[in-house]
N, C-alpha and C. Protein backbone atom coordinates (compact mmCIF):
# COMPACT_ATOMS: atom_id res chain seq x y z
N UNK A 1 1.97 -1.51 -22.48
CA UNK A 1 2.10 -0.16 -22.00
C UNK A 1 1.42 -0.04 -20.64
N UNK A 2 2.12 0.58 -19.69
CA UNK A 2 1.54 0.79 -18.37
C UNK A 2 0.96 2.19 -18.27
N UNK A 3 -0.11 2.27 -17.50
CA UNK A 3 -0.80 3.55 -17.32
C UNK A 3 -1.43 3.56 -15.93
N UNK A 4 -1.37 4.71 -15.27
CA UNK A 4 -2.00 4.87 -13.97
C UNK A 4 -3.24 5.74 -14.16
N UNK A 5 -4.38 5.22 -13.66
CA UNK A 5 -5.64 5.95 -13.80
C UNK A 5 -6.31 6.12 -12.44
N UNK A 6 -6.81 7.32 -12.16
CA UNK A 6 -7.61 7.48 -10.94
C UNK A 6 -8.95 6.76 -11.12
N UNK A 7 -9.37 6.06 -10.09
CA UNK A 7 -10.64 5.34 -10.11
C UNK A 7 -11.30 5.45 -8.75
N UNK A 8 -12.58 5.19 -8.70
CA UNK A 8 -13.26 5.10 -7.41
C UNK A 8 -12.80 3.81 -6.73
N UNK A 9 -12.56 3.87 -5.44
CA UNK A 9 -12.02 2.73 -4.72
C UNK A 9 -12.98 1.53 -4.73
N UNK A 10 -14.26 1.78 -5.00
CA UNK A 10 -15.22 0.67 -5.04
C UNK A 10 -15.51 0.17 -6.46
N UNK A 11 -14.79 0.69 -7.46
CA UNK A 11 -14.93 0.16 -8.82
C UNK A 11 -14.34 -1.25 -8.87
N UNK A 12 -14.82 -2.10 -9.77
CA UNK A 12 -14.39 -3.50 -9.78
C UNK A 12 -12.87 -3.72 -9.83
N UNK A 13 -12.15 -2.97 -10.66
CA UNK A 13 -10.69 -3.19 -10.75
C UNK A 13 -10.01 -2.86 -9.42
N UNK A 14 -10.38 -1.74 -8.82
CA UNK A 14 -9.80 -1.35 -7.54
C UNK A 14 -10.20 -2.34 -6.45
N UNK A 15 -11.46 -2.69 -6.40
CA UNK A 15 -11.94 -3.60 -5.36
C UNK A 15 -11.26 -4.97 -5.48
N UNK A 16 -11.09 -5.46 -6.70
CA UNK A 16 -10.43 -6.75 -6.91
C UNK A 16 -8.99 -6.73 -6.44
N UNK A 17 -8.26 -5.65 -6.74
CA UNK A 17 -6.87 -5.54 -6.28
C UNK A 17 -6.81 -5.44 -4.76
N UNK A 18 -7.73 -4.70 -4.17
CA UNK A 18 -7.75 -4.61 -2.71
C UNK A 18 -8.06 -5.96 -2.07
N UNK A 19 -8.94 -6.75 -2.69
CA UNK A 19 -9.23 -8.09 -2.16
C UNK A 19 -7.95 -8.93 -2.17
N UNK A 20 -7.20 -8.88 -3.28
CA UNK A 20 -5.93 -9.61 -3.37
C UNK A 20 -4.96 -9.15 -2.28
N UNK A 21 -4.84 -7.82 -2.15
CA UNK A 21 -3.91 -7.23 -1.18
C UNK A 21 -4.27 -7.66 0.24
N UNK A 22 -5.54 -7.52 0.61
CA UNK A 22 -5.95 -7.88 1.97
C UNK A 22 -5.78 -9.37 2.23
N UNK A 23 -6.07 -10.21 1.24
CA UNK A 23 -5.89 -11.66 1.41
C UNK A 23 -4.42 -12.00 1.60
N UNK A 24 -3.55 -11.38 0.82
CA UNK A 24 -2.11 -11.62 0.96
C UNK A 24 -1.64 -11.18 2.34
N UNK A 25 -2.01 -9.98 2.76
CA UNK A 25 -1.59 -9.48 4.07
C UNK A 25 -2.08 -10.40 5.18
N UNK A 26 -3.34 -10.82 5.11
CA UNK A 26 -3.90 -11.70 6.14
C UNK A 26 -3.17 -13.04 6.19
N UNK A 27 -2.76 -13.55 5.03
CA UNK A 27 -2.11 -14.86 4.97
C UNK A 27 -0.70 -14.86 5.56
N UNK A 28 -0.03 -13.71 5.57
CA UNK A 28 1.35 -13.66 6.05
C UNK A 28 1.51 -12.87 7.35
N UNK A 29 0.44 -12.30 7.85
CA UNK A 29 0.53 -11.45 9.03
C UNK A 29 0.81 -12.29 10.27
N UNK A 30 1.80 -11.92 11.06
CA UNK A 30 2.13 -12.70 12.27
C UNK A 30 0.92 -12.83 13.21
N UNK A 31 0.69 -14.03 13.65
CA UNK A 31 -0.38 -14.28 14.61
C UNK A 31 -1.77 -14.32 14.02
N UNK A 32 -1.90 -14.10 12.70
CA UNK A 32 -3.20 -14.16 12.05
C UNK A 32 -4.18 -13.11 12.52
N UNK A 33 -3.68 -11.95 12.93
CA UNK A 33 -4.55 -10.93 13.50
C UNK A 33 -4.72 -9.71 12.60
N UNK A 34 -4.45 -9.85 11.31
CA UNK A 34 -4.56 -8.71 10.40
C UNK A 34 -6.01 -8.24 10.31
N UNK A 35 -6.23 -6.94 10.51
CA UNK A 35 -7.57 -6.36 10.42
C UNK A 35 -7.80 -5.86 9.00
N UNK A 36 -8.86 -6.32 8.37
CA UNK A 36 -9.22 -5.89 7.02
C UNK A 36 -10.39 -4.94 7.09
N UNK A 37 -10.25 -3.81 6.40
CA UNK A 37 -11.35 -2.86 6.31
C UNK A 37 -11.30 -2.19 4.95
N UNK A 38 -12.30 -2.49 4.12
CA UNK A 38 -12.35 -1.82 2.82
C UNK A 38 -12.62 -0.34 3.04
N UNK A 39 -11.85 0.50 2.35
CA UNK A 39 -11.99 1.94 2.59
C UNK A 39 -13.30 2.52 2.08
N UNK A 40 -13.76 3.53 2.78
CA UNK A 40 -14.92 4.30 2.38
C UNK A 40 -14.54 5.09 1.12
N UNK A 41 -15.31 4.98 0.04
CA UNK A 41 -14.99 5.73 -1.19
C UNK A 41 -14.82 7.23 -0.97
N UNK A 42 -15.51 7.80 0.00
CA UNK A 42 -15.39 9.24 0.26
C UNK A 42 -13.99 9.61 0.73
N UNK A 43 -13.28 8.66 1.33
CA UNK A 43 -11.92 8.90 1.81
C UNK A 43 -10.98 9.28 0.68
N UNK A 44 -11.23 8.75 -0.50
CA UNK A 44 -10.35 8.95 -1.64
C UNK A 44 -11.01 9.82 -2.71
N UNK A 45 -11.62 10.92 -2.28
CA UNK A 45 -12.27 11.85 -3.20
C UNK A 45 -11.47 13.15 -3.23
N UNK A 46 -11.11 13.58 -4.44
CA UNK A 46 -10.30 14.79 -4.60
C UNK A 46 -11.02 16.00 -4.05
N UNK A 47 -10.32 16.93 -3.46
CA UNK A 47 -8.88 17.03 -3.28
C UNK A 47 -8.37 16.43 -1.96
N UNK A 48 -9.24 15.78 -1.21
CA UNK A 48 -8.82 15.19 0.05
C UNK A 48 -8.20 13.81 -0.11
N UNK A 49 -8.25 13.28 -1.31
CA UNK A 49 -7.65 11.99 -1.57
C UNK A 49 -7.91 11.55 -2.99
N UNK A 50 -7.24 10.48 -3.36
CA UNK A 50 -7.43 9.88 -4.68
C UNK A 50 -6.96 8.43 -4.60
N UNK A 51 -7.59 7.57 -5.37
CA UNK A 51 -7.19 6.17 -5.47
C UNK A 51 -6.86 5.91 -6.94
N UNK A 52 -5.75 5.20 -7.18
CA UNK A 52 -5.33 4.94 -8.55
C UNK A 52 -5.13 3.45 -8.77
N UNK A 53 -5.28 3.04 -10.04
CA UNK A 53 -4.99 1.68 -10.45
C UNK A 53 -3.96 1.75 -11.56
N UNK A 54 -2.97 0.88 -11.46
CA UNK A 54 -1.94 0.74 -12.49
C UNK A 54 -2.38 -0.37 -13.44
N UNK A 55 -2.40 -0.04 -14.71
CA UNK A 55 -2.79 -1.01 -15.74
C UNK A 55 -1.59 -1.37 -16.58
N UNK A 56 -1.46 -2.65 -16.90
CA UNK A 56 -0.51 -3.15 -17.89
C UNK A 56 -1.39 -3.53 -19.07
N UNK A 57 -1.45 -2.64 -20.07
CA UNK A 57 -2.47 -2.78 -21.11
C UNK A 57 -3.81 -2.50 -20.47
N UNK A 58 -4.70 -3.46 -20.51
CA UNK A 58 -6.00 -3.30 -19.85
C UNK A 58 -6.11 -4.11 -18.57
N UNK A 59 -5.01 -4.76 -18.18
CA UNK A 59 -5.01 -5.61 -16.98
C UNK A 59 -4.64 -4.79 -15.74
N UNK A 60 -5.50 -4.75 -14.72
CA UNK A 60 -5.15 -4.05 -13.49
C UNK A 60 -4.09 -4.85 -12.73
N UNK A 61 -2.94 -4.20 -12.43
CA UNK A 61 -1.82 -4.92 -11.83
C UNK A 61 -1.32 -4.29 -10.53
N UNK A 62 -1.86 -3.14 -10.16
CA UNK A 62 -1.41 -2.50 -8.94
C UNK A 62 -2.34 -1.37 -8.56
N UNK A 63 -2.21 -0.91 -7.32
CA UNK A 63 -3.08 0.16 -6.86
C UNK A 63 -2.46 0.88 -5.68
N UNK A 64 -3.09 1.96 -5.31
CA UNK A 64 -2.69 2.70 -4.12
C UNK A 64 -3.52 3.96 -4.03
N UNK A 65 -3.49 4.57 -2.88
CA UNK A 65 -4.23 5.80 -2.69
C UNK A 65 -3.53 6.74 -1.74
N UNK A 66 -4.00 7.97 -1.73
CA UNK A 66 -3.59 8.94 -0.74
C UNK A 66 -4.84 9.56 -0.14
N UNK A 67 -4.71 9.94 1.12
CA UNK A 67 -5.82 10.63 1.78
C UNK A 67 -5.23 11.68 2.72
N UNK A 68 -5.94 12.77 2.85
CA UNK A 68 -5.47 13.83 3.75
C UNK A 68 -5.69 13.39 5.19
N UNK A 69 -4.69 13.64 6.00
CA UNK A 69 -4.74 13.34 7.43
C UNK A 69 -4.39 14.63 8.18
N UNK A 70 -4.57 14.66 9.49
CA UNK A 70 -4.25 15.89 10.23
C UNK A 70 -2.82 16.36 9.96
N UNK A 71 -2.67 17.68 9.98
CA UNK A 71 -1.37 18.28 9.70
C UNK A 71 -0.30 17.76 10.65
N UNK A 72 0.92 17.74 10.13
CA UNK A 72 2.07 17.32 10.92
C UNK A 72 3.04 18.47 11.08
N UNK A 73 4.24 18.19 11.53
CA UNK A 73 5.21 19.24 11.77
C UNK A 73 5.61 20.01 10.51
N UNK A 74 5.44 19.40 9.35
CA UNK A 74 5.79 20.06 8.09
C UNK A 74 4.62 20.81 7.47
N UNK A 75 3.43 20.61 8.01
CA UNK A 75 2.24 21.27 7.46
C UNK A 75 1.26 20.26 6.91
N UNK A 76 0.67 20.55 5.74
CA UNK A 76 -0.33 19.68 5.12
C UNK A 76 0.26 18.30 4.88
N UNK A 77 -0.49 17.29 5.29
CA UNK A 77 0.02 15.91 5.27
C UNK A 77 -0.99 14.99 4.60
N UNK A 78 -0.48 14.16 3.70
CA UNK A 78 -1.28 13.11 3.07
C UNK A 78 -0.64 11.77 3.41
N UNK A 79 -1.50 10.75 3.51
CA UNK A 79 -1.05 9.40 3.85
C UNK A 79 -1.22 8.47 2.66
N UNK A 80 -0.19 7.69 2.37
CA UNK A 80 -0.26 6.64 1.34
C UNK A 80 -0.94 5.44 1.96
N UNK A 81 -1.92 4.87 1.24
CA UNK A 81 -2.65 3.71 1.72
C UNK A 81 -2.74 2.65 0.62
N UNK A 82 -2.66 1.39 1.03
CA UNK A 82 -2.97 0.24 0.18
C UNK A 82 -2.11 0.19 -1.09
N UNK A 83 -0.82 0.52 -0.97
CA UNK A 83 0.10 0.40 -2.11
C UNK A 83 0.33 -1.09 -2.35
N UNK A 84 -0.01 -1.55 -3.55
CA UNK A 84 0.03 -2.98 -3.85
C UNK A 84 0.33 -3.20 -5.32
N UNK A 85 1.21 -4.17 -5.59
CA UNK A 85 1.47 -4.63 -6.96
C UNK A 85 1.32 -6.15 -6.95
N UNK A 86 0.58 -6.68 -7.92
CA UNK A 86 0.34 -8.12 -7.98
C UNK A 86 1.66 -8.87 -8.16
N UNK A 87 1.65 -10.15 -7.83
CA UNK A 87 2.88 -10.97 -7.89
C UNK A 87 3.59 -10.86 -9.23
N UNK A 88 2.86 -10.96 -10.33
CA UNK A 88 3.47 -10.94 -11.66
C UNK A 88 4.13 -9.60 -11.98
N UNK A 89 3.74 -8.56 -11.27
CA UNK A 89 4.29 -7.23 -11.54
C UNK A 89 5.45 -6.83 -10.68
N UNK A 90 5.81 -7.67 -9.72
CA UNK A 90 6.90 -7.31 -8.81
C UNK A 90 8.24 -7.36 -9.53
N UNK A 91 9.13 -6.46 -9.12
CA UNK A 91 10.46 -6.41 -9.71
C UNK A 91 10.53 -5.60 -10.99
N UNK A 92 9.46 -4.97 -11.37
CA UNK A 92 9.42 -4.18 -12.62
C UNK A 92 9.46 -2.68 -12.37
N UNK A 93 9.55 -2.27 -11.12
CA UNK A 93 9.56 -0.85 -10.80
C UNK A 93 8.17 -0.24 -10.69
N UNK A 94 7.15 -1.09 -10.70
CA UNK A 94 5.78 -0.57 -10.68
C UNK A 94 5.39 -0.01 -9.32
N UNK A 95 5.93 -0.57 -8.25
CA UNK A 95 5.65 -0.03 -6.92
C UNK A 95 6.18 1.39 -6.82
N UNK A 96 7.40 1.60 -7.30
CA UNK A 96 7.98 2.95 -7.29
C UNK A 96 7.18 3.88 -8.19
N UNK A 97 6.73 3.38 -9.34
CA UNK A 97 5.92 4.19 -10.26
C UNK A 97 4.64 4.66 -9.56
N UNK A 98 3.98 3.75 -8.85
CA UNK A 98 2.76 4.11 -8.13
C UNK A 98 3.06 5.12 -7.02
N UNK A 99 4.12 4.88 -6.26
CA UNK A 99 4.47 5.77 -5.17
C UNK A 99 4.79 7.17 -5.68
N UNK A 100 5.54 7.26 -6.76
CA UNK A 100 5.88 8.56 -7.35
C UNK A 100 4.63 9.29 -7.81
N UNK A 101 3.71 8.56 -8.43
CA UNK A 101 2.46 9.16 -8.88
C UNK A 101 1.65 9.70 -7.70
N UNK A 102 1.57 8.93 -6.63
CA UNK A 102 0.81 9.36 -5.46
C UNK A 102 1.46 10.58 -4.79
N UNK A 103 2.78 10.59 -4.72
CA UNK A 103 3.49 11.75 -4.16
C UNK A 103 3.22 13.00 -5.00
N UNK A 104 3.24 12.85 -6.31
CA UNK A 104 2.97 13.99 -7.20
C UNK A 104 1.56 14.53 -6.97
N UNK A 105 0.60 13.64 -6.88
CA UNK A 105 -0.78 14.05 -6.64
C UNK A 105 -0.92 14.75 -5.28
N UNK A 106 -0.25 14.21 -4.26
CA UNK A 106 -0.30 14.85 -2.94
C UNK A 106 0.26 16.26 -3.01
N UNK A 107 1.37 16.43 -3.70
CA UNK A 107 1.98 17.76 -3.85
C UNK A 107 1.02 18.70 -4.57
N UNK A 108 0.33 18.20 -5.60
CA UNK A 108 -0.63 19.03 -6.33
C UNK A 108 -1.80 19.45 -5.43
N UNK A 109 -2.12 18.63 -4.43
CA UNK A 109 -3.19 18.96 -3.48
C UNK A 109 -2.69 19.86 -2.36
N UNK A 110 -1.40 20.21 -2.37
CA UNK A 110 -0.83 21.12 -1.38
C UNK A 110 -0.08 20.47 -0.24
N UNK A 111 0.22 19.18 -0.35
CA UNK A 111 0.94 18.50 0.72
C UNK A 111 2.37 18.98 0.84
N UNK A 112 2.82 19.12 2.08
CA UNK A 112 4.22 19.39 2.37
C UNK A 112 4.94 18.09 2.73
N UNK A 113 4.15 17.08 3.10
CA UNK A 113 4.69 15.83 3.59
C UNK A 113 3.75 14.68 3.23
N UNK A 114 4.36 13.52 2.95
CA UNK A 114 3.61 12.28 2.75
C UNK A 114 4.06 11.31 3.83
N UNK A 115 3.11 10.66 4.47
CA UNK A 115 3.41 9.69 5.51
C UNK A 115 2.78 8.34 5.15
N UNK A 116 3.24 7.31 5.81
CA UNK A 116 2.65 5.98 5.63
C UNK A 116 3.03 5.13 6.81
N UNK A 117 2.27 4.05 6.98
CA UNK A 117 2.63 3.06 7.98
C UNK A 117 2.72 1.70 7.30
N UNK A 118 3.50 0.83 7.90
CA UNK A 118 3.69 -0.50 7.33
C UNK A 118 4.06 -1.46 8.46
N UNK A 119 4.26 -2.70 8.12
CA UNK A 119 4.65 -3.71 9.09
C UNK A 119 6.09 -4.12 8.81
N UNK A 120 6.85 -4.35 9.86
CA UNK A 120 8.27 -4.66 9.70
C UNK A 120 8.54 -5.94 8.90
N UNK A 121 7.56 -6.82 8.76
CA UNK A 121 7.76 -8.05 7.99
C UNK A 121 7.68 -7.82 6.49
N UNK A 122 7.24 -6.66 6.06
CA UNK A 122 7.13 -6.35 4.63
C UNK A 122 8.44 -5.75 4.15
N UNK A 123 9.44 -6.63 3.96
CA UNK A 123 10.79 -6.19 3.62
C UNK A 123 10.86 -5.41 2.32
N UNK A 124 10.19 -5.87 1.28
CA UNK A 124 10.25 -5.18 -0.01
C UNK A 124 9.65 -3.78 0.10
N UNK A 125 8.57 -3.65 0.84
CA UNK A 125 7.95 -2.34 1.02
C UNK A 125 8.90 -1.41 1.77
N UNK A 126 9.49 -1.89 2.85
CA UNK A 126 10.44 -1.08 3.60
C UNK A 126 11.61 -0.63 2.77
N UNK A 127 12.11 -1.52 1.92
CA UNK A 127 13.23 -1.17 1.04
C UNK A 127 12.81 -0.11 0.02
N UNK A 128 11.61 -0.24 -0.53
CA UNK A 128 11.10 0.76 -1.48
C UNK A 128 11.02 2.13 -0.81
N UNK A 129 10.49 2.17 0.39
CA UNK A 129 10.34 3.45 1.07
C UNK A 129 11.70 4.06 1.38
N UNK A 130 12.65 3.26 1.83
CA UNK A 130 13.99 3.78 2.12
C UNK A 130 14.65 4.32 0.86
N UNK A 131 14.56 3.59 -0.25
CA UNK A 131 15.15 4.05 -1.53
C UNK A 131 14.46 5.31 -2.04
N UNK A 132 13.23 5.53 -1.61
CA UNK A 132 12.44 6.66 -2.10
C UNK A 132 12.55 7.89 -1.19
N UNK A 133 13.42 7.83 -0.19
CA UNK A 133 13.65 8.99 0.65
C UNK A 133 12.80 9.08 1.90
N UNK A 134 12.09 8.02 2.24
CA UNK A 134 11.27 8.03 3.45
C UNK A 134 12.16 7.76 4.66
N UNK A 135 11.84 8.42 5.77
CA UNK A 135 12.57 8.21 7.02
C UNK A 135 11.58 7.76 8.08
N UNK A 136 12.07 6.93 8.99
CA UNK A 136 11.20 6.42 10.05
C UNK A 136 10.88 7.54 11.04
N UNK A 137 9.61 7.58 11.46
CA UNK A 137 9.14 8.60 12.41
C UNK A 137 8.38 7.92 13.54
N UNK A 138 8.03 8.70 14.53
CA UNK A 138 7.18 8.21 15.62
C UNK A 138 5.78 7.93 15.06
N UNK A 139 5.03 7.00 15.65
CA UNK A 139 3.68 6.71 15.17
C UNK A 139 2.81 7.96 15.12
N UNK A 140 2.07 8.10 14.03
CA UNK A 140 1.13 9.22 13.88
C UNK A 140 -0.32 8.72 13.93
N UNK A 141 -0.50 7.41 14.08
CA UNK A 141 -1.84 6.83 14.19
C UNK A 141 -1.77 5.61 15.11
N UNK A 142 -2.91 4.96 15.29
CA UNK A 142 -2.96 3.78 16.16
C UNK A 142 -3.28 2.51 15.38
N UNK A 143 -2.80 2.43 14.14
CA UNK A 143 -3.05 1.27 13.28
C UNK A 143 -2.43 0.02 13.90
N UNK A 144 -3.27 -0.92 14.31
CA UNK A 144 -2.78 -2.15 14.94
C UNK A 144 -2.07 -3.07 13.96
N UNK A 145 -2.21 -2.83 12.65
CA UNK A 145 -1.50 -3.62 11.65
C UNK A 145 -0.08 -3.08 11.40
N UNK A 146 0.26 -1.94 11.94
CA UNK A 146 1.53 -1.29 11.64
C UNK A 146 2.52 -1.43 12.80
N UNK A 147 3.79 -1.53 12.41
CA UNK A 147 4.88 -1.51 13.39
C UNK A 147 5.92 -0.45 13.04
N UNK A 148 5.79 0.15 11.85
CA UNK A 148 6.72 1.20 11.43
C UNK A 148 5.93 2.31 10.74
N UNK A 149 6.40 3.54 10.97
CA UNK A 149 5.78 4.72 10.40
C UNK A 149 6.86 5.53 9.69
N UNK A 150 6.53 6.08 8.52
CA UNK A 150 7.53 6.78 7.70
C UNK A 150 6.99 8.13 7.23
N UNK A 151 7.93 9.03 6.91
CA UNK A 151 7.61 10.35 6.39
C UNK A 151 8.54 10.68 5.23
N UNK A 152 8.00 11.40 4.28
CA UNK A 152 8.80 11.93 3.17
C UNK A 152 8.36 13.38 2.96
N UNK A 153 9.29 14.31 3.17
CA UNK A 153 9.00 15.72 2.97
C UNK A 153 9.09 16.00 1.48
N UNK A 154 8.05 16.63 0.94
CA UNK A 154 8.02 16.92 -0.50
C UNK A 154 8.73 18.22 -0.83
């Protein structure tokens, strides 16, 4: 049975998944220039944010978070960060499950829009976002790890 639980971003399950995610990104990032920065736990504190872990039974298999960012053209805006599903969990719809959960939480916090950034080499992520109704937008931040920016109006 899968379950999504909010956790502090510095709890062991969340931290372990983030370590996996950052290591994977660094290993495949063009030019070996991926910047890793573990998030400040205060960034993901309700109602300005939340971090969740997806469990398969008691095994942590995925994670992601949302955080409030400056308002955009649609109004209140939250950003999806660190959406990750471990290798064994890919192809099971867990990425979409996490994204849907984060969008729901953002809406409950009053978001009119959810945004995210990604890198063009992450084909599966780009496909997930396109299938989920995200559209490409102009950059809203200066993330040097990103080459594409997306928005989804809630």
